Every structure is written in structure tokens, then in C-alpha cells.
Amino acid sequence: MAAFLETLEAPGNGWWPAELGCDYVSGIVINGNNANAALMCWSIPSDKTRGREIGRQLLDTAMDQCRTPGFPLAFLTTFRSLDKASAFTSSPGSI
């Protein structure tokens, strides 16, 4: 994690937090240090985000970031219980 944070400003990398008021409620990170694929890591959203499309907005931002440098592949690491996140990545226009 520390090694990645040192490269956060590198092209293809990014971190986007989501806040409601002053509360951090979710976020997504793109690790683009591998030119062959972008790795998306998503923090588990707070219950406060349900029904607000915050997850969709974060994922759309991340996918746009993956398209800009032209990654041929982007994948999201997730957990079994996050089926909705998996559905986002399978939806039309994901990448």
C-alpha cells in the first residue's frame, strides 16, 4: 500500500473519495502501474450511500480514468457479498 501511495500521482493512477457532508462514505482507487491492466479497488460503501447512485458515480469516474490512458483491461477486486458492484462492471459500456 505504501509503495502504491508513492505513485498515486503517476498517470493511470487515482483515488476518488465519496463524502456526504463531512463523512467519508466510500471511495475507489485505480492502480495503473501495470500497463497491461488497471486494477480497481473499491472500499465498502457506507449504508448512508444506498439509493444515492454514489457507487455508480465512483465506478463511472474510475472507468473513465481507465479509458483515458487506453488500458486494454480493467478489473475490479470485490467480495462475494458485493454482487451489485459486480453487476456494475458487467453492464453495457463498462469498458
PDB file of N, CA and C in Angstrom:
ATOM      1  N   MET A   1       0.824  -1.186   0.000  1.00  0.00           N
ATOM      2  CA  MET A   1       0.000   0.000   0.000  1.00  0.00           C
ATOM      3  C   MET A   1       0.873   1.256   0.000  1.00  0.00           C
ATOM      4  N   ALA A   2       1.898   1.275   0.841  1.00  0.00           N
ATOM      5  CA  ALA A   2       2.761   2.452   0.907  1.00  0.00           C
ATOM      6  C   ALA A   2       3.465   2.690  -0.421  1.00  0.00           C
ATOM      7  N   ALA A   3       3.920   1.616  -1.069  1.00  0.00           N
ATOM      8  CA  ALA A   3       4.589   1.754  -2.364  1.00  0.00           C
ATOM      9  C   ALA A   3       3.634   2.327  -3.404  1.00  0.00           C
ATOM     10  N   PHE A   4       2.366   1.878  -3.386  1.00  0.00           N
ATOM     11  CA  PHE A   4       1.392   2.416  -4.331  1.00  0.00           C
ATOM     12  C   PHE A   4       1.138   3.888  -4.064  1.00  0.00           C
ATOM     13  N   LEU A   5       0.970   4.261  -2.802  1.00  0.00           N
ATOM     14  CA  LEU A   5       0.672   5.656  -2.470  1.00  0.00           C
ATOM     15  C   LEU A   5       1.770   6.597  -2.947  1.00  0.00           C
ATOM     16  N   GLU A   6       2.998   6.115  -2.994  1.00  0.00           N
ATOM     17  CA  GLU A   6       4.093   6.932  -3.512  1.00  0.00           C
ATOM     18  C   GLU A   6       3.944   7.194  -5.005  1.00  0.00           C
ATOM     19  N   THR A   7       3.185   6.361  -5.714  1.00  0.00           N
ATOM     20  CA  THR A   7       2.999   6.522  -7.157  1.00  0.00           C
ATOM     21  C   THR A   7       1.607   7.045  -7.513  1.00  0.00           C
ATOM     22  N   LEU A   8       0.859   7.489  -6.520  1.00  0.00           N
ATOM     23  CA  LEU A   8      -0.535   7.901  -6.750  1.00  0.00           C
ATOM     24  C   LEU A   8      -0.658   8.974  -7.831  1.00  0.00           C
ATOM     25  N   GLU A   9       0.296   9.856  -7.936  1.00  0.00           N
ATOM     26  CA  GLU A   9       0.235  10.936  -8.920  1.00  0.00           C
ATOM     27  C   GLU A   9       0.645  10.500 -10.321  1.00  0.00           C
ATOM     28  N   ALA A  10       1.121   9.273 -10.476  1.00  0.00           N
ATOM     29  CA  ALA A  10       1.554   8.784 -11.786  1.00  0.00           C
ATOM     30  C   ALA A  10       0.356   8.656 -12.726  1.00  0.00           C
ATOM     31  N   PRO A  11       0.558   8.864 -14.026  1.00  0.00           N
ATOM     32  CA  PRO A  11      -0.546   8.703 -14.979  1.00  0.00           C
ATOM     33  C   PRO A  11      -1.150   7.302 -14.870  1.00  0.00           C
ATOM     34  N   GLY A  12      -2.459   7.244 -14.892  1.00  0.00           N
ATOM     35  CA  GLY A  12      -3.151   5.968 -14.800  1.00  0.00           C
ATOM     36  C   GLY A  12      -3.550   5.591 -13.390  1.00  0.00           C
ATOM     37  N   ASN A  13      -3.002   6.266 -12.389  1.00  0.00           N
ATOM     38  CA  ASN A  13      -3.358   6.006 -11.002  1.00  0.00           C
ATOM     39  C   ASN A  13      -4.325   7.075 -10.505  1.00  0.00           C
ATOM     40  N   GLY A  14      -5.118   6.724  -9.528  1.00  0.00           N
ATOM     41  CA  GLY A  14      -6.004   7.727  -8.951  1.00  0.00           C
ATOM     42  C   GLY A  14      -6.759   7.207  -7.747  1.00  0.00           C
ATOM     43  N   TRP A  15      -7.253   8.135  -6.950  1.00  0.00           N
ATOM     44  CA  TRP A  15      -8.093   7.825  -5.795  1.00  0.00           C
ATOM     45  C   TRP A  15      -9.202   8.858  -5.736  1.00  0.00           C
ATOM     46  N   TRP A  16     -10.433   8.379  -5.671  1.00  0.00           N
ATOM     47  CA  TRP A  16     -11.584   9.256  -5.607  1.00  0.00           C
ATOM     48  C   TRP A  16     -12.414   8.899  -4.384  1.00  0.00           C
ATOM     49  N   PRO A  17     -12.481   9.806  -3.422  1.00  0.00           N
ATOM     50  CA  PRO A  17     -13.313   9.561  -2.246  1.00  0.00           C
ATOM     51  C   PRO A  17     -14.729  10.045  -2.486  1.00  0.00           C
ATOM     52  N   ALA A  18     -15.659   9.483  -1.754  1.00  0.00           N
ATOM     53  CA  ALA A  18     -17.045   9.965  -1.774  1.00  0.00           C
ATOM     54  C   ALA A  18     -17.382  10.398  -0.354  1.00  0.00           C
ATOM     55  N   GLU A  19     -17.929  11.588  -0.246  1.00  0.00           N
ATOM     56  CA  GLU A  19     -18.291  12.127   1.053  1.00  0.00           C
ATOM     57  C   GLU A  19     -19.739  12.586   1.036  1.00  0.00           C
ATOM     58  N   LEU A  20     -20.385  12.430   2.152  1.00  0.00           N
ATOM     59  CA  LEU A  20     -21.710  13.008   2.389  1.00  0.00           C
ATOM     60  C   LEU A  20     -21.531  13.956   3.561  1.00  0.00           C
ATOM     61  N   GLY A  21     -21.680  15.235   3.284  1.00  0.00           N
ATOM     62  CA  GLY A  21     -21.357  16.212   4.321  1.00  0.00           C
ATOM     63  C   GLY A  21     -19.863  16.130   4.589  1.00  0.00           C
ATOM     64  N   CYS A  22     -19.494  15.913   5.820  1.00  0.00           N
ATOM     65  CA  CYS A  22     -18.078  15.781   6.195  1.00  0.00           C
ATOM     66  C   CYS A  22     -17.671  14.331   6.420  1.00  0.00           C
ATOM     67  N   ASP A  23     -18.552  13.385   6.086  1.00  0.00           N
ATOM     68  CA  ASP A  23     -18.285  11.974   6.332  1.00  0.00           C
ATOM     69  C   ASP A  23     -17.782  11.275   5.075  1.00  0.00           C
ATOM     70  N   TYR A  24     -16.673  10.544   5.207  1.00  0.00           N
ATOM     71  CA  TYR A  24     -16.193   9.669   4.137  1.00  0.00           C
ATOM     72  C   TYR A  24     -17.131   8.464   4.102  1.00  0.00           C
ATOM     73  N   VAL A  25     -17.720   8.182   2.934  1.00  0.00           N
ATOM     74  CA  VAL A  25     -18.682   7.088   2.849  1.00  0.00           C
ATOM     75  C   VAL A  25     -18.260   5.978   1.892  1.00  0.00           C
ATOM     76  N   SER A  26     -17.301   6.249   1.020  1.00  0.00           N
ATOM     77  CA  SER A  26     -16.827   5.235   0.092  1.00  0.00           C
ATOM     78  C   SER A  26     -15.668   5.819  -0.706  1.00  0.00           C
ATOM     79  N   GLY A  27     -15.111   5.021  -1.572  1.00  0.00           N
ATOM     80  CA  GLY A  27     -14.044   5.502  -2.434  1.00  0.00           C
ATOM     81  C   GLY A  27     -13.624   4.412  -3.390  1.00  0.00           C
ATOM     82  N   ILE A  28     -12.914   4.813  -4.420  1.00  0.00           N
ATOM     83  CA  ILE A  28     -12.388   3.860  -5.391  1.00  0.00           C
ATOM     84  C   ILE A  28     -10.980   4.283  -5.764  1.00  0.00           C
ATOM     85  N   VAL A  29     -10.129   3.283  -5.954  1.00  0.00           N
ATOM     86  CA  VAL A  29      -8.725   3.505  -6.291  1.00  0.00           C
ATOM     87  C   VAL A  29      -8.425   2.780  -7.599  1.00  0.00           C
ATOM     88  N   ILE A  30      -7.663   3.428  -8.455  1.00  0.00           N
ATOM     89  CA  ILE A  30      -7.161   2.793  -9.675  1.00  0.00           C
ATOM     90  C   ILE A  30      -5.652   2.652  -9.532  1.00  0.00           C
ATOM     91  N   ASN A  31      -5.187   1.424  -9.646  1.00  0.00           N
ATOM     92  CA  ASN A  31      -3.759   1.158  -9.681  1.00  0.00           C
ATOM     93  C   ASN A  31      -3.426   0.859 -11.132  1.00  0.00           C
ATOM     94  N   GLY A  32      -2.822   1.827 -11.803  1.00  0.00           N
ATOM     95  CA  GLY A  32      -2.471   1.685 -13.207  1.00  0.00           C
ATOM     96  C   GLY A  32      -0.985   1.495 -13.421  1.00  0.00           C
ATOM     97  N   ASN A  33      -0.289   1.006 -12.398  1.00  0.00           N
ATOM     98  CA  ASN A  33       1.152   0.820 -12.520  1.00  0.00           C
ATOM     99  C   ASN A  33       1.535  -0.292 -13.485  1.00  0.00           C
ATOM    100  N   ASN A  34       0.589  -1.157 -13.841  1.00  0.00           N
ATOM    101  CA  ASN A  34       0.819  -2.217 -14.813  1.00  0.00           C
ATOM    102  C   ASN A  34       0.186  -1.747 -16.132  1.00  0.00           C
ATOM    103  N   ALA A  35       0.972  -1.574 -17.160  1.00  0.00           N
ATOM    104  CA  ALA A  35       0.464  -1.052 -18.429  1.00  0.00           C
ATOM    105  C   ALA A  35      -0.539  -1.986 -19.097  1.00  0.00           C
ATOM    106  N   ASN A  36      -0.568  -3.256 -18.702  1.00  0.00           N
ATOM    107  CA  ASN A  36      -1.466  -4.219 -19.330  1.00  0.00           C
ATOM    108  C   ASN A  36      -2.873  -4.231 -18.756  1.00  0.00           C
ATOM    109  N   ALA A  37      -3.038  -3.712 -17.546  1.00  0.00           N
ATOM    110  CA  ALA A  37      -4.356  -3.752 -16.920  1.00  0.00           C
ATOM    111  C   ALA A  37      -4.420  -2.755 -15.776  1.00  0.00           C
ATOM    112  N   ALA A  38      -5.597  -2.201 -15.581  1.00  0.00           N
ATOM    113  CA  ALA A  38      -5.840  -1.315 -14.442  1.00  0.00           C
ATOM    114  C   ALA A  38      -6.583  -2.115 -13.377  1.00  0.00           C
ATOM    115  N   LEU A  39      -6.150  -1.989 -12.160  1.00  0.00           N
ATOM    116  CA  LEU A  39      -6.785  -2.666 -11.043  1.00  0.00           C
ATOM    117  C   LEU A  39      -7.610  -1.657 -10.263  1.00  0.00           C
ATOM    118  N   MET A  40      -8.916  -1.930 -10.137  1.00  0.00           N
ATOM    119  CA  MET A  40      -9.789  -1.068  -9.348  1.00  0.00           C
ATOM    120  C   MET A  40     -10.014  -1.716  -7.993  1.00  0.00           C
ATOM    121  N   CYS A  41      -9.881  -0.940  -6.945  1.00  0.00           N
ATOM    122  CA  CYS A  41     -10.154  -1.400  -5.590  1.00  0.00           C
ATOM    123  C   CYS A  41     -11.183  -0.456  -4.987  1.00  0.00           C
ATOM    124  N   TRP A  42     -12.245  -1.012  -4.495  1.00  0.00           N
ATOM    125  CA  TRP A  42     -13.380  -0.238  -4.038  1.00  0.00           C
ATOM    126  C   TRP A  42     -13.557  -0.442  -2.555  1.00  0.00           C
ATOM    127  N   SER A  43     -13.606   0.640  -1.798  1.00  0.00           N
ATOM    128  CA  SER A  43     -13.881   0.462  -0.384  1.00  0.00           C
ATOM    129  C   SER A  43     -15.366   0.158  -0.214  1.00  0.00           C
ATOM    130  N   ILE A  44     -15.690  -0.587   0.798  1.00  0.00           N
ATOM    131  CA  ILE A  44     -17.075  -0.993   1.021  1.00  0.00           C
ATOM    132  C   ILE A  44     -17.888   0.244   1.384  1.00  0.00           C
ATOM    133  N   PRO A  45     -18.917   0.528   0.596  1.00  0.00           N
ATOM    134  CA  PRO A  45     -19.705   1.737   0.841  1.00  0.00           C
ATOM    135  C   PRO A  45     -20.455   1.692   2.169  1.00  0.00           C
ATOM    136  N   SER A  46     -20.591   2.845   2.753  1.00  0.00           N
ATOM    137  CA  SER A  46     -21.383   3.001   3.963  1.00  0.00           C
ATOM    138  C   SER A  46     -22.862   2.789   3.630  1.00  0.00           C
ATOM    139  N   ASP A  47     -23.623   2.363   4.604  1.00  0.00           N
ATOM    140  CA  ASP A  47     -25.072   2.230   4.408  1.00  0.00           C
ATOM    141  C   ASP A  47     -25.704   3.562   4.011  1.00  0.00           C
ATOM    142  N   LYS A  48     -25.055   4.677   4.355  1.00  0.00           N
ATOM    143  CA  LYS A  48     -25.578   6.006   4.014  1.00  0.00           C
ATOM    144  C   LYS A  48     -25.643   6.234   2.500  1.00  0.00           C
ATOM    145  N   THR A  49     -24.904   5.435   1.731  1.00  0.00           N
ATOM    146  CA  THR A  49     -24.845   5.655   0.283  1.00  0.00           C
ATOM    147  C   THR A  49     -25.971   4.971  -0.476  1.00  0.00           C
ATOM    148  N   ARG A  50     -26.677   4.065   0.160  1.00  0.00           N
ATOM    149  CA  ARG A  50     -27.708   3.299  -0.551  1.00  0.00           C
ATOM    150  C   ARG A  50     -28.746   4.212  -1.202  1.00  0.00           C
ATOM    151  N   GLY A  51     -29.015   3.914  -2.480  1.00  0.00           N
ATOM    152  CA  GLY A  51     -30.032   4.653  -3.219  1.00  0.00           C
ATOM    153  C   GLY A  51     -29.603   6.024  -3.697  1.00  0.00           C
ATOM    154  N   ARG A  52     -28.355   6.381  -3.544  1.00  0.00           N
ATOM    155  CA  ARG A  52     -27.886   7.712  -3.934  1.00  0.00           C
ATOM    156  C   ARG A  52     -27.035   7.706  -5.205  1.00  0.00           C
ATOM    157  N   GLU A  53     -26.833   6.522  -5.796  1.00  0.00           N
ATOM    158  CA  GLU A  53     -26.030   6.374  -7.018  1.00  0.00           C
ATOM    159  C   GLU A  53     -24.564   6.760  -6.825  1.00  0.00           C
ATOM    160  N   ILE A  54     -24.104   6.809  -5.584  1.00  0.00           N
ATOM    161  CA  ILE A  54     -22.709   7.167  -5.319  1.00  0.00           C
ATOM    162  C   ILE A  54     -21.775   6.095  -5.868  1.00  0.00           C
ATOM    163  N   GLY A  55     -22.127   4.827  -5.678  1.00  0.00           N
ATOM    164  CA  GLY A  55     -21.305   3.751  -6.216  1.00  0.00           C
ATOM    165  C   GLY A  55     -21.195   3.832  -7.726  1.00  0.00           C
ATOM    166  N   ARG A  56     -22.287   4.105  -8.394  1.00  0.00           N
ATOM    167  CA  ARG A  56     -22.283   4.229  -9.860  1.00  0.00           C
ATOM    168  C   ARG A  56     -21.405   5.405 -10.292  1.00  0.00           C
ATOM    169  N   GLN A  57     -21.508   6.522  -9.590  1.00  0.00           N
ATOM    170  CA  GLN A  57     -20.694   7.690  -9.927  1.00  0.00           C
ATOM    171  C   GLN A  57     -19.203   7.396  -9.748  1.00  0.00           C
ATOM    172  N   LEU A  58     -18.863   6.715  -8.654  1.00  0.00           N
ATOM    173  CA  LEU A  58     -17.465   6.359  -8.437  1.00  0.00           C
ATOM    174  C   LEU A  58     -16.962   5.424  -9.526  1.00  0.00           C
ATOM    175  N   LEU A  59     -17.757   4.430  -9.852  1.00  0.00           N
ATOM    176  CA  LEU A  59     -17.335   3.469 -10.867  1.00  0.00           C
ATOM    177  C   LEU A  59     -17.227   4.127 -12.239  1.00  0.00           C
ATOM    178  N   ASP A  60     -18.162   4.994 -12.583  1.00  0.00           N
ATOM    179  CA  ASP A  60     -18.081   5.709 -13.868  1.00  0.00           C
ATOM    180  C   ASP A  60     -16.811   6.555 -13.947  1.00  0.00           C
ATOM    181  N   THR A  61     -16.484   7.241 -12.853  1.00  0.00           N
ATOM    182  CA  THR A  61     -15.260   8.048 -12.810  1.00  0.00           C
ATOM    183  C   THR A  61     -14.034   7.172 -13.000  1.00  0.00           C
ATOM    184  N   ALA A  62     -14.010   6.051 -12.303  1.00  0.00           N
ATOM    185  CA  ALA A  62     -12.870   5.136 -12.412  1.00  0.00           C
ATOM    186  C   ALA A  62     -12.750   4.562 -13.822  1.00  0.00           C
ATOM    187  N   MET A  63     -13.866   4.186 -14.415  1.00  0.00           N
ATOM    188  CA  MET A  63     -13.815   3.621 -15.775  1.00  0.00           C
ATOM    189  C   MET A  63     -13.339   4.668 -16.779  1.00  0.00           C
ATOM    190  N   ASP A  64     -13.768   5.912 -16.606  1.00  0.00           N
ATOM    191  CA  ASP A  64     -13.270   6.984 -17.478  1.00  0.00           C
ATOM    192  C   ASP A  64     -11.755   7.113 -17.329  1.00  0.00           C
ATOM    193  N   GLN A  65     -11.267   7.014 -16.100  1.00  0.00           N
ATOM    194  CA  GLN A  65      -9.828   7.087 -15.850  1.00  0.00           C
ATOM    195  C   GLN A  65      -9.103   5.931 -16.526  1.00  0.00           C
ATOM    196  N   CYS A  66      -9.720   4.766 -16.552  1.00  0.00           N
ATOM    197  CA  CYS A  66      -9.098   3.603 -17.205  1.00  0.00           C
ATOM    198  C   CYS A  66      -9.063   3.766 -18.715  1.00  0.00           C
ATOM    199  N   ARG A  67     -10.068   4.379 -19.270  1.00  0.00           N
ATOM    200  CA  ARG A  67     -10.125   4.565 -20.731  1.00  0.00           C
ATOM    201  C   ARG A  67      -9.119   5.599 -21.216  1.00  0.00           C
ATOM    202  N   THR A  68      -8.876   6.640 -20.430  1.00  0.00           N
ATOM    203  CA  THR A  68      -8.025   7.753 -20.861  1.00  0.00           C
ATOM    204  C   THR A  68      -6.637   7.303 -21.283  1.00  0.00           C
ATOM    205  N   PRO A  69      -5.900   6.538 -20.453  1.00  0.00           N
ATOM    206  CA  PRO A  69      -4.588   6.091 -20.923  1.00  0.00           C
ATOM    207  C   PRO A  69      -4.662   4.879 -21.842  1.00  0.00           C
ATOM    208  N   GLY A  70      -5.866   4.365 -22.080  1.00  0.00           N
ATOM    209  CA  GLY A  70      -6.041   3.257 -23.011  1.00  0.00           C
ATOM    210  C   GLY A  70      -5.706   1.888 -22.456  1.00  0.00           C
ATOM    211  N   PHE A  71      -6.015   1.647 -21.193  1.00  0.00           N
ATOM    212  CA  PHE A  71      -5.784   0.307 -20.654  1.00  0.00           C
ATOM    213  C   PHE A  71      -6.600  -0.705 -21.447  1.00  0.00           C
ATOM    214  N   PRO A  72      -5.978  -1.799 -21.889  1.00  0.00           N
ATOM    215  CA  PRO A  72      -6.724  -2.813 -22.630  1.00  0.00           C
ATOM    216  C   PRO A  72      -7.639  -3.637 -21.722  1.00  0.00           C
ATOM    217  N   LEU A  73      -7.400  -3.574 -20.413  1.00  0.00           N
ATOM    218  CA  LEU A  73      -8.159  -4.375 -19.466  1.00  0.00           C
ATOM    219  C   LEU A  73      -8.248  -3.633 -18.139  1.00  0.00           C
ATOM    220  N   ALA A  74      -9.411  -3.684 -17.528  1.00  0.00           N
ATOM    221  CA  ALA A  74      -9.597  -3.138 -16.180  1.00  0.00           C
ATOM    222  C   ALA A  74     -10.399  -4.164 -15.391  1.00  0.00           C
ATOM    223  N   PHE A  75      -9.990  -4.391 -14.173  1.00  0.00           N
ATOM    224  CA  PHE A  75     -10.766  -5.323 -13.367  1.00  0.00           C
ATOM    225  C   PHE A  75     -10.933  -4.792 -11.957  1.00  0.00           C
ATOM    226  N   LEU A  76     -12.020  -5.201 -11.348  1.00  0.00           N
ATOM    227  CA  LEU A  76     -12.423  -4.754 -10.024  1.00  0.00           C
ATOM    228  C   LEU A  76     -12.263  -5.907  -9.054  1.00  0.00           C
ATOM    229  N   THR A  77     -11.546  -5.662  -7.985  1.00  0.00           N
ATOM    230  CA  THR A  77     -11.489  -6.658  -6.925  1.00  0.00           C
ATOM    231  C   THR A  77     -12.652  -6.390  -5.988  1.00  0.00           C
ATOM    232  N   THR A  78     -13.336  -7.441  -5.622  1.00  0.00           N
ATOM    233  CA  THR A  78     -14.530  -7.277  -4.796  1.00  0.00           C
ATOM    234  C   THR A  78     -14.717  -8.511  -3.926  1.00  0.00           C
ATOM    235  N   PHE A  79     -15.801  -8.563  -3.220  1.00  0.00           N
ATOM    236  CA  PHE A  79     -16.134  -9.682  -2.341  1.00  0.00           C
ATOM    237  C   PHE A  79     -17.428 -10.311  -2.825  1.00  0.00           C
ATOM    238  N   ARG A  80     -17.656 -11.537  -2.451  1.00  0.00           N
ATOM    239  CA  ARG A  80     -18.883 -12.216  -2.849  1.00  0.00           C
ATOM    240  C   ARG A  80     -20.133 -11.439  -2.473  1.00  0.00           C
ATOM    241  N   SER A  81     -20.116 -10.794  -1.337  1.00  0.00           N
ATOM    242  CA  SER A  81     -21.313 -10.096  -0.863  1.00  0.00           C
ATOM    243  C   SER A  81     -21.579  -8.800  -1.625  1.00  0.00           C
ATOM    244  N   LEU A  82     -20.672  -8.400  -2.498  1.00  0.00           N
ATOM    245  CA  LEU A  82     -20.860  -7.157  -3.247  1.00  0.00           C
ATOM    246  C   LEU A  82     -21.320  -7.455  -4.676  1.00  0.00           C
ATOM    247  N   ASP A  83     -22.389  -8.215  -4.779  1.00  0.00           N
ATOM    248  CA  ASP A  83     -22.902  -8.598  -6.096  1.00  0.00           C
ATOM    249  C   ASP A  83     -23.269  -7.394  -6.948  1.00  0.00           C
ATOM    250  N   LYS A  84     -23.782  -6.339  -6.333  1.00  0.00           N
ATOM    251  CA  LYS A  84     -24.177  -5.162  -7.099  1.00  0.00           C
ATOM    252  C   LYS A  84     -22.960  -4.523  -7.774  1.00  0.00           C
ATOM    253  N   ALA A  85     -21.820  -4.504  -7.088  1.00  0.00           N
ATOM    254  CA  ALA A  85     -20.590  -3.970  -7.688  1.00  0.00           C
ATOM    255  C   ALA A  85     -20.201  -4.794  -8.910  1.00  0.00           C
ATOM    256  N   SER A  86     -20.328  -6.098  -8.810  1.00  0.00           N
ATOM    257  CA  SER A  86     -20.029  -6.961  -9.957  1.00  0.00           C
ATOM    258  C   SER A  86     -20.975  -6.693 -11.112  1.00  0.00           C
ATOM    259  N   ALA A  87     -22.227  -6.412 -10.810  1.00  0.00           N
ATOM    260  CA  ALA A  87     -23.198  -6.106 -11.855  1.00  0.00           C
ATOM    261  C   ALA A  87     -22.836  -4.805 -12.569  1.00  0.00           C
ATOM    262  N   PHE A  88     -22.309  -3.819 -11.829  1.00  0.00           N
ATOM    263  CA  PHE A  88     -21.889  -2.566 -12.461  1.00  0.00           C
ATOM    264  C   PHE A  88     -20.847  -2.826 -13.538  1.00  0.00           C
ATOM    265  N   THR A  89     -19.856  -3.656 -13.216  1.00  0.00           N
ATOM    266  CA  THR A  89     -18.776  -3.890 -14.159  1.00  0.00           C
ATOM    267  C   THR A  89     -19.198  -4.711 -15.348  1.00  0.00           C
ATOM    268  N   SER A  90     -20.309  -5.407 -15.239  1.00  0.00           N
ATOM    269  CA  SER A  90     -20.809  -6.212 -16.341  1.00  0.00           C
ATOM    270  C   SER A  90     -21.814  -5.470 -17.212  1.00  0.00           C
ATOM    271  N   SER A  91     -22.198  -4.278 -16.789  1.00  0.00           N
ATOM    272  CA  SER A  91     -23.222  -3.529 -17.520  1.00  0.00           C
ATOM    273  C   SER A  91     -22.642  -2.957 -18.813  1.00  0.00           C
ATOM    274  N   PRO A  92     -23.516  -2.680 -19.788  1.00  0.00           N
ATOM    275  CA  PRO A  92     -23.058  -2.142 -21.068  1.00  0.00           C
ATOM    276  C   PRO A  92     -22.279  -0.841 -20.876  1.00  0.00           C
ATOM    277  N   GLY A  93     -21.201  -0.710 -21.620  1.00  0.00           N
ATOM    278  CA  GLY A  93     -20.397   0.499 -21.561  1.00  0.00           C
ATOM    279  C   GLY A  93     -19.371   0.515 -20.466  1.00  0.00           C
ATOM    280  N   SER A  94     -19.232  -0.599 -19.749  1.00  0.00           N
ATOM    281  CA  SER A  94     -18.277  -0.614 -18.650  1.00  0.00           C
ATOM    282  C   SER A  94     -16.868  -0.318 -19.156  1.00  0.00           C
ATOM    283  N   ILE A  95     -16.439  -1.047 -20.128  1.00  0.00           N
ATOM    284  CA  ILE A  95     -15.135  -0.752 -20.751  1.00  0.00           C
ATOM    285  C   ILE A  95     -15.052  -1.493 -22.077  1.00  0.00           C
TER     286      ILE A  95
END
